[in-house]
Amino acid sequence: MNYKIHVTFFLLGLFLWNCNSPEKPAAAPTALDPKIFIAIMDSSATAWNEGSLDGHLSIYDSAATFMGANGLISIPTVKENFQKKYFNGSKPVQQLAFEEIQVKPLGTDFALLTGKFILSGGDQPERSGRYSLVFTKTKTGWKVLHDHSS
């Protein structure tokens, strides 16, 4: 009799243990419309080409950082550097274009955008490079939180 009670409790315990609902799998990243990000990048390039460095940088969050050849810097420093290196007064030395844009979700409120930038014209040799941007979803829309360009 004692044996049957132990077996019964063992089987009951095993049954109850198996009845636990399994943990829900992590939510898959949500699909993002690449057109939203292409429009953001197009507006940034248009602002640059029209001579609005502030407009170009308006896609960045106020806390954004930039990683370049000289290390990590803030957006105000990026503005100073761009003004000195890529602008002649209020006009860009070369026109800016973005190509090969790809967007990958990083959860629901973040996205990774990669692509190629091209600076051309202005009687200068064409320059290009690769970049990756981490976007964050804010109350005012998607903003760049981190930029790594080379």
N, C-alpha and C. Protein backbone atom coordinates (compact mmCIF):
# COMPACT_ATOMS: atom_id res chain seq x y z
N MET A 1 0.82 -1.19 0.00
CA MET A 1 0.00 0.00 0.00
C MET A 1 0.86 1.25 0.00
N ASN A 2 1.88 1.25 0.83
CA ASN A 2 2.79 2.38 0.92
C ASN A 2 3.42 2.66 -0.45
N TYR A 3 3.76 1.61 -1.15
CA TYR A 3 4.35 1.73 -2.48
C TYR A 3 3.39 2.42 -3.44
N LYS A 4 2.10 2.08 -3.42
CA LYS A 4 1.10 2.68 -4.31
C LYS A 4 0.91 4.16 -4.01
N ILE A 5 0.98 4.54 -2.75
CA ILE A 5 0.83 5.95 -2.38
C ILE A 5 2.01 6.75 -2.93
N HIS A 6 3.21 6.23 -2.77
CA HIS A 6 4.41 6.93 -3.29
C HIS A 6 4.34 7.07 -4.81
N VAL A 7 3.96 6.02 -5.48
CA VAL A 7 3.86 6.06 -6.94
C VAL A 7 2.78 7.04 -7.35
N THR A 8 1.65 7.03 -6.64
CA THR A 8 0.55 7.95 -6.96
C THR A 8 0.99 9.40 -6.81
N PHE A 9 1.64 9.72 -5.67
CA PHE A 9 2.10 11.09 -5.47
C PHE A 9 3.19 11.47 -6.48
N PHE A 10 4.04 10.52 -6.80
CA PHE A 10 5.07 10.79 -7.80
C PHE A 10 4.44 11.11 -9.15
N LEU A 11 3.49 10.30 -9.57
CA LEU A 11 2.82 10.53 -10.85
C LEU A 11 2.01 11.83 -10.83
N LEU A 12 1.37 12.13 -9.71
CA LEU A 12 0.61 13.38 -9.58
C LEU A 12 1.56 14.58 -9.68
N GLY A 13 2.69 14.49 -9.00
CA GLY A 13 3.68 15.57 -9.07
C GLY A 13 4.23 15.75 -10.48
N LEU A 14 4.51 14.64 -11.13
CA LEU A 14 5.01 14.70 -12.51
C LEU A 14 3.97 15.32 -13.43
N PHE A 15 2.71 14.94 -13.23
CA PHE A 15 1.62 15.50 -14.03
C PHE A 15 1.51 17.01 -13.82
N LEU A 16 1.51 17.44 -12.56
CA LEU A 16 1.39 18.87 -12.25
C LEU A 16 2.59 19.66 -12.77
N TRP A 17 3.77 19.06 -12.68
CA TRP A 17 4.97 19.74 -13.17
C TRP A 17 4.87 19.96 -14.68
N ASN A 18 4.35 18.99 -15.39
CA ASN A 18 4.19 19.11 -16.84
C ASN A 18 3.06 20.04 -17.24
N CYS A 19 2.17 20.35 -16.31
CA CYS A 19 1.05 21.25 -16.60
C CYS A 19 1.47 22.71 -16.57
N ASN A 20 2.65 22.99 -16.03
CA ASN A 20 3.11 24.38 -16.03
C ASN A 20 3.13 24.90 -17.44
N SER A 21 2.64 26.11 -17.60
CA SER A 21 2.68 26.68 -18.95
C SER A 21 4.12 27.06 -19.25
N PRO A 22 4.58 26.74 -20.43
CA PRO A 22 5.96 27.06 -20.78
C PRO A 22 6.14 28.57 -20.89
N GLU A 23 7.38 28.99 -20.69
CA GLU A 23 7.67 30.41 -20.85
C GLU A 23 7.38 30.82 -22.28
N LYS A 24 6.85 32.02 -22.41
CA LYS A 24 6.58 32.53 -23.74
C LYS A 24 7.90 32.86 -24.41
N PRO A 25 8.05 32.51 -25.67
CA PRO A 25 9.29 32.87 -26.35
C PRO A 25 9.40 34.38 -26.47
N ALA A 26 10.61 34.86 -26.54
CA ALA A 26 10.82 36.30 -26.70
C ALA A 26 10.13 36.77 -27.97
N ALA A 27 9.55 37.94 -27.86
CA ALA A 27 8.84 38.48 -29.02
C ALA A 27 9.81 38.70 -30.17
N ALA A 28 9.40 38.29 -31.32
CA ALA A 28 10.23 38.50 -32.51
C ALA A 28 10.24 39.99 -32.83
N PRO A 29 11.36 40.49 -33.33
CA PRO A 29 11.39 41.90 -33.70
C PRO A 29 10.27 42.21 -34.69
N THR A 30 9.67 43.36 -34.50
CA THR A 30 8.57 43.74 -35.37
C THR A 30 9.11 44.19 -36.72
N ALA A 31 8.30 44.03 -37.72
CA ALA A 31 8.70 44.47 -39.06
C ALA A 31 8.67 45.99 -39.10
N LEU A 32 9.64 46.55 -39.74
CA LEU A 32 9.72 48.00 -39.90
C LEU A 32 9.58 48.33 -41.37
N ASP A 33 8.93 49.43 -41.65
CA ASP A 33 8.78 49.87 -43.03
C ASP A 33 10.04 50.63 -43.44
N PRO A 34 10.86 50.07 -44.32
CA PRO A 34 12.09 50.75 -44.73
C PRO A 34 11.83 52.12 -45.34
N LYS A 35 10.65 52.32 -45.90
CA LYS A 35 10.33 53.62 -46.52
C LYS A 35 10.40 54.76 -45.51
N ILE A 36 10.05 54.47 -44.26
CA ILE A 36 10.13 55.50 -43.21
C ILE A 36 11.57 55.96 -43.06
N PHE A 37 12.48 55.01 -43.00
CA PHE A 37 13.89 55.33 -42.77
C PHE A 37 14.54 55.93 -44.02
N ILE A 38 14.13 55.47 -45.18
CA ILE A 38 14.63 56.07 -46.43
C ILE A 38 14.21 57.53 -46.50
N ALA A 39 12.98 57.82 -46.10
CA ALA A 39 12.50 59.21 -46.09
C ALA A 39 13.30 60.06 -45.11
N ILE A 40 13.63 59.50 -43.96
CA ILE A 40 14.44 60.23 -42.97
C ILE A 40 15.81 60.54 -43.56
N MET A 41 16.43 59.54 -44.18
CA MET A 41 17.76 59.74 -44.74
C MET A 41 17.72 60.70 -45.93
N ASP A 42 16.68 60.61 -46.75
CA ASP A 42 16.53 61.55 -47.88
C ASP A 42 16.39 62.98 -47.39
N SER A 43 15.61 63.18 -46.31
CA SER A 43 15.44 64.54 -45.79
C SER A 43 16.75 65.08 -45.23
N SER A 44 17.54 64.20 -44.64
CA SER A 44 18.84 64.61 -44.11
C SER A 44 19.79 65.01 -45.24
N ALA A 45 19.83 64.22 -46.31
CA ALA A 45 20.69 64.54 -47.46
C ALA A 45 20.21 65.82 -48.15
N THR A 46 18.90 65.98 -48.28
CA THR A 46 18.36 67.19 -48.91
C THR A 46 18.76 68.42 -48.11
N ALA A 47 18.63 68.35 -46.79
CA ALA A 47 19.02 69.49 -45.95
C ALA A 47 20.50 69.81 -46.14
N TRP A 48 21.34 68.80 -46.15
CA TRP A 48 22.78 69.00 -46.38
C TRP A 48 23.01 69.71 -47.71
N ASN A 49 22.40 69.18 -48.76
CA ASN A 49 22.62 69.70 -50.11
C ASN A 49 22.08 71.12 -50.28
N GLU A 50 21.12 71.50 -49.45
CA GLU A 50 20.58 72.87 -49.47
C GLU A 50 21.36 73.79 -48.53
N GLY A 51 22.38 73.27 -47.86
CA GLY A 51 23.21 74.09 -47.00
C GLY A 51 22.74 74.19 -45.56
N SER A 52 21.82 73.32 -45.16
CA SER A 52 21.32 73.35 -43.78
C SER A 52 21.95 72.21 -42.98
N LEU A 53 23.05 72.54 -42.34
CA LEU A 53 23.71 71.53 -41.51
C LEU A 53 22.81 71.17 -40.32
N ASP A 54 22.11 72.17 -39.76
CA ASP A 54 21.18 71.89 -38.67
C ASP A 54 20.07 70.95 -39.14
N GLY A 55 19.57 71.15 -40.34
CA GLY A 55 18.55 70.26 -40.89
C GLY A 55 19.08 68.85 -41.08
N HIS A 56 20.30 68.77 -41.56
CA HIS A 56 20.94 67.46 -41.74
C HIS A 56 21.05 66.72 -40.41
N LEU A 57 21.41 67.45 -39.36
CA LEU A 57 21.62 66.83 -38.05
C LEU A 57 20.33 66.69 -37.25
N SER A 58 19.22 67.19 -37.77
CA SER A 58 17.95 67.12 -37.02
C SER A 58 17.44 65.69 -36.87
N ILE A 59 17.99 64.74 -37.60
CA ILE A 59 17.57 63.35 -37.46
C ILE A 59 18.18 62.69 -36.22
N TYR A 60 19.11 63.39 -35.56
CA TYR A 60 19.80 62.85 -34.40
C TYR A 60 19.09 63.22 -33.10
N ASP A 61 19.05 62.28 -32.16
CA ASP A 61 18.57 62.53 -30.81
C ASP A 61 19.56 63.45 -30.11
N SER A 62 19.09 64.24 -29.15
CA SER A 62 19.99 65.17 -28.46
C SER A 62 21.09 64.45 -27.69
N ALA A 63 20.89 63.19 -27.34
CA ALA A 63 21.89 62.41 -26.61
C ALA A 63 22.74 61.54 -27.54
N ALA A 64 22.61 61.72 -28.83
CA ALA A 64 23.30 60.86 -29.80
C ALA A 64 24.82 61.00 -29.71
N THR A 65 25.49 59.93 -30.09
CA THR A 65 26.95 59.92 -30.17
C THR A 65 27.37 59.50 -31.57
N PHE A 66 28.60 59.84 -31.90
CA PHE A 66 29.16 59.56 -33.22
C PHE A 66 30.52 58.91 -33.04
N MET A 67 30.72 57.77 -33.69
CA MET A 67 32.01 57.09 -33.64
C MET A 67 32.67 57.24 -35.00
N GLY A 68 33.82 57.87 -34.99
CA GLY A 68 34.57 58.06 -36.22
C GLY A 68 36.02 57.66 -36.02
N ALA A 69 36.87 58.12 -36.91
CA ALA A 69 38.28 57.75 -36.86
C ALA A 69 38.97 58.21 -35.58
N ASN A 70 38.47 59.30 -34.99
CA ASN A 70 39.11 59.85 -33.79
C ASN A 70 38.40 59.46 -32.50
N GLY A 71 37.49 58.50 -32.56
CA GLY A 71 36.80 58.05 -31.36
C GLY A 71 35.40 58.59 -31.24
N LEU A 72 34.84 58.46 -30.05
CA LEU A 72 33.45 58.82 -29.77
C LEU A 72 33.32 60.31 -29.49
N ILE A 73 32.38 60.97 -30.18
CA ILE A 73 32.14 62.40 -29.97
C ILE A 73 30.63 62.66 -29.94
N SER A 74 30.27 63.85 -29.45
CA SER A 74 28.87 64.25 -29.37
C SER A 74 28.45 64.96 -30.66
N ILE A 75 27.17 65.12 -30.83
CA ILE A 75 26.66 65.75 -32.05
C ILE A 75 27.09 67.22 -32.18
N PRO A 76 27.15 68.02 -31.10
CA PRO A 76 27.68 69.38 -31.28
C PRO A 76 29.11 69.39 -31.85
N THR A 77 29.93 68.43 -31.45
CA THR A 77 31.28 68.34 -31.99
C THR A 77 31.24 67.89 -33.45
N VAL A 78 30.32 66.99 -33.77
CA VAL A 78 30.13 66.57 -35.17
C VAL A 78 29.80 67.79 -36.01
N LYS A 79 28.91 68.63 -35.52
CA LYS A 79 28.51 69.83 -36.26
C LYS A 79 29.72 70.73 -36.53
N GLU A 80 30.52 70.96 -35.51
CA GLU A 80 31.73 71.78 -35.68
C GLU A 80 32.66 71.17 -36.72
N ASN A 81 32.90 69.87 -36.62
CA ASN A 81 33.79 69.19 -37.56
C ASN A 81 33.26 69.24 -38.99
N PHE A 82 31.96 68.97 -39.16
CA PHE A 82 31.36 69.00 -40.50
C PHE A 82 31.43 70.40 -41.09
N GLN A 83 31.17 71.41 -40.26
CA GLN A 83 31.20 72.79 -40.73
C GLN A 83 32.60 73.14 -41.26
N LYS A 84 33.63 72.73 -40.55
CA LYS A 84 35.00 73.03 -40.96
C LYS A 84 35.43 72.22 -42.18
N LYS A 85 35.07 70.94 -42.21
CA LYS A 85 35.60 70.03 -43.21
C LYS A 85 34.77 69.96 -44.49
N TYR A 86 33.45 70.05 -44.37
CA TYR A 86 32.58 69.78 -45.51
C TYR A 86 31.77 70.98 -46.00
N PHE A 87 31.87 72.11 -45.32
CA PHE A 87 31.10 73.29 -45.72
C PHE A 87 32.03 74.47 -45.97
N ASN A 88 31.62 75.31 -46.90
CA ASN A 88 32.29 76.57 -47.17
C ASN A 88 31.25 77.65 -46.83
N GLY A 89 31.32 78.15 -45.61
CA GLY A 89 30.28 79.06 -45.15
C GLY A 89 28.99 78.27 -44.95
N SER A 90 27.95 78.68 -45.67
CA SER A 90 26.66 77.99 -45.53
C SER A 90 26.40 77.02 -46.67
N LYS A 91 27.40 76.76 -47.49
CA LYS A 91 27.22 75.86 -48.64
C LYS A 91 28.09 74.62 -48.47
N PRO A 92 27.52 73.46 -48.78
CA PRO A 92 28.34 72.25 -48.72
C PRO A 92 29.35 72.24 -49.86
N VAL A 93 30.54 71.75 -49.58
CA VAL A 93 31.57 71.64 -50.61
C VAL A 93 31.16 70.59 -51.65
N GLN A 94 30.51 69.54 -51.19
CA GLN A 94 30.04 68.47 -52.08
C GLN A 94 28.60 68.09 -51.72
N GLN A 95 27.95 67.47 -52.68
CA GLN A 95 26.58 66.99 -52.48
C GLN A 95 26.62 65.62 -51.80
N LEU A 96 25.62 65.38 -50.96
CA LEU A 96 25.55 64.14 -50.19
C LEU A 96 24.42 63.25 -50.70
N ALA A 97 24.68 61.97 -50.80
CA ALA A 97 23.65 60.98 -51.14
C ALA A 97 23.86 59.74 -50.28
N PHE A 98 22.76 59.07 -50.00
CA PHE A 98 22.81 57.81 -49.26
C PHE A 98 22.30 56.70 -50.17
N GLU A 99 23.00 55.57 -50.16
CA GLU A 99 22.62 54.42 -50.98
C GLU A 99 22.69 53.14 -50.15
N GLU A 100 22.16 52.07 -50.73
CA GLU A 100 22.24 50.73 -50.16
C GLU A 100 21.71 50.67 -48.73
N ILE A 101 20.64 51.38 -48.47
CA ILE A 101 20.06 51.44 -47.13
C ILE A 101 19.36 50.13 -46.79
N GLN A 102 19.71 49.59 -45.65
CA GLN A 102 19.06 48.39 -45.12
C GLN A 102 18.69 48.65 -43.67
N VAL A 103 17.51 48.19 -43.27
CA VAL A 103 17.02 48.41 -41.91
C VAL A 103 16.69 47.07 -41.27
N LYS A 104 17.15 46.92 -40.02
CA LYS A 104 16.84 45.71 -39.25
C LYS A 104 16.28 46.14 -37.90
N PRO A 105 15.15 45.57 -37.48
CA PRO A 105 14.60 45.91 -36.16
C PRO A 105 15.48 45.34 -35.05
N LEU A 106 15.58 46.10 -33.99
CA LEU A 106 16.26 45.66 -32.76
C LEU A 106 15.24 45.74 -31.64
N GLY A 107 14.21 44.92 -31.70
CA GLY A 107 13.10 45.02 -30.76
C GLY A 107 12.04 45.94 -31.33
N THR A 108 11.24 46.53 -30.45
CA THR A 108 10.15 47.38 -30.92
C THR A 108 10.51 48.86 -30.99
N ASP A 109 11.50 49.29 -30.21
CA ASP A 109 11.81 50.71 -30.14
C ASP A 109 13.19 51.09 -30.67
N PHE A 110 13.87 50.15 -31.30
CA PHE A 110 15.20 50.42 -31.84
C PHE A 110 15.34 49.76 -33.21
N ALA A 111 16.19 50.34 -34.03
CA ALA A 111 16.45 49.78 -35.35
C ALA A 111 17.89 50.07 -35.74
N LEU A 112 18.45 49.17 -36.53
CA LEU A 112 19.79 49.34 -37.08
C LEU A 112 19.66 49.63 -38.56
N LEU A 113 20.23 50.75 -38.99
CA LEU A 113 20.23 51.12 -40.40
C LEU A 113 21.67 51.13 -40.87
N THR A 114 21.93 50.47 -41.98
CA THR A 114 23.27 50.48 -42.57
C THR A 114 23.17 50.98 -44.01
N GLY A 115 24.27 51.50 -44.49
CA GLY A 115 24.26 51.98 -45.86
C GLY A 115 25.59 52.55 -46.28
N LYS A 116 25.54 53.26 -47.39
CA LYS A 116 26.73 53.87 -47.98
C LYS A 116 26.43 55.35 -48.20
N PHE A 117 27.39 56.21 -47.81
CA PHE A 117 27.25 57.63 -48.12
C PHE A 117 28.19 57.97 -49.27
N ILE A 118 27.79 58.95 -50.06
CA ILE A 118 28.60 59.41 -51.18
C ILE A 118 28.61 60.93 -51.17
N LEU A 119 29.80 61.51 -51.20
CA LEU A 119 29.99 62.94 -51.36
C LEU A 119 30.56 63.15 -52.76
N SER A 120 29.88 63.96 -53.57
CA SER A 120 30.32 64.14 -54.95
C SER A 120 30.14 65.59 -55.40
N GLY A 121 30.84 65.92 -56.48
CA GLY A 121 30.73 67.26 -57.06
C GLY A 121 31.71 68.23 -56.45
N GLY A 122 31.47 69.52 -56.73
CA GLY A 122 32.31 70.57 -56.18
C GLY A 122 33.74 70.53 -56.65
N ASP A 123 33.98 69.98 -57.84
CA ASP A 123 35.34 69.86 -58.37
C ASP A 123 36.28 69.15 -57.39
N GLN A 124 35.73 68.22 -56.64
CA GLN A 124 36.49 67.43 -55.67
C GLN A 124 36.38 65.95 -56.07
N PRO A 125 37.34 65.14 -55.67
CA PRO A 125 37.19 63.70 -55.92
C PRO A 125 36.00 63.16 -55.11
N GLU A 126 35.32 62.20 -55.70
CA GLU A 126 34.20 61.59 -54.99
C GLU A 126 34.71 60.84 -53.78
N ARG A 127 33.99 60.98 -52.68
CA ARG A 127 34.32 60.27 -51.44
C ARG A 127 33.11 59.44 -51.03
N SER A 128 33.37 58.27 -50.52
CA SER A 128 32.27 57.43 -50.05
C SER A 128 32.74 56.60 -48.87
N GLY A 129 31.78 56.08 -48.16
CA GLY A 129 32.08 55.22 -47.02
C GLY A 129 30.83 54.53 -46.53
N ARG A 130 31.02 53.71 -45.55
CA ARG A 130 29.92 52.94 -44.96
C ARG A 130 29.55 53.52 -43.60
N TYR A 131 28.31 53.32 -43.24
CA TYR A 131 27.85 53.81 -41.94
C TYR A 131 26.83 52.84 -41.36
N SER A 132 26.71 52.89 -40.05
CA SER A 132 25.64 52.19 -39.36
C SER A 132 25.05 53.16 -38.34
N LEU A 133 23.74 53.21 -38.31
CA LEU A 133 23.02 54.10 -37.41
C LEU A 133 22.09 53.27 -36.53
N VAL A 134 22.12 53.55 -35.24
CA VAL A 134 21.14 52.95 -34.33
C VAL A 134 20.07 54.00 -34.10
N PHE A 135 18.84 53.66 -34.49
CA PHE A 135 17.71 54.56 -34.31
C PHE A 135 16.93 54.16 -33.06
N THR A 136 16.33 55.15 -32.41
CA THR A 136 15.42 54.91 -31.31
C THR A 136 14.09 55.58 -31.62
N LYS A 137 13.02 54.94 -31.22
CA LYS A 137 11.69 55.49 -31.44
C LYS A 137 11.38 56.46 -30.31
N THR A 138 11.12 57.71 -30.64
CA THR A 138 10.82 58.73 -29.64
C THR A 138 9.38 59.22 -29.83
N LYS A 139 8.97 60.12 -28.96
CA LYS A 139 7.62 60.71 -29.08
C LYS A 139 7.46 61.49 -30.37
N THR A 140 8.57 61.98 -30.90
CA THR A 140 8.52 62.79 -32.13
C THR A 140 8.93 62.00 -33.38
N GLY A 141 9.09 60.70 -33.23
CA GLY A 141 9.47 59.87 -34.38
C GLY A 141 10.81 59.20 -34.15
N TRP A 142 11.32 58.58 -35.20
CA TRP A 142 12.59 57.86 -35.13
C TRP A 142 13.75 58.85 -35.16
N LYS A 143 14.71 58.68 -34.23
CA LYS A 143 15.89 59.54 -34.14
C LYS A 143 17.14 58.67 -34.04
N VAL A 144 18.24 59.17 -34.58
CA VAL A 144 19.52 58.46 -34.49
C VAL A 144 20.07 58.60 -33.08
N LEU A 145 20.39 57.47 -32.48
CA LEU A 145 20.97 57.45 -31.14
C LEU A 145 22.49 57.28 -31.21
N HIS A 146 22.95 56.57 -32.25
CA HIS A 146 24.40 56.37 -32.43
C HIS A 146 24.71 56.24 -33.91
N ASP A 147 25.81 56.85 -34.30
CA ASP A 147 26.28 56.85 -35.69
C ASP A 147 27.72 56.35 -35.70
N HIS A 148 27.98 55.36 -36.53
CA HIS A 148 29.36 54.89 -36.73
C HIS A 148 29.63 54.95 -38.22
N SER A 149 30.49 55.87 -38.61
CA SER A 149 30.80 56.07 -40.03
C SER A 149 32.28 55.89 -40.27
N SER A 150 32.60 55.37 -41.45
CA SER A 150 34.01 55.23 -41.82
C SER A 150 34.16 55.47 -43.31
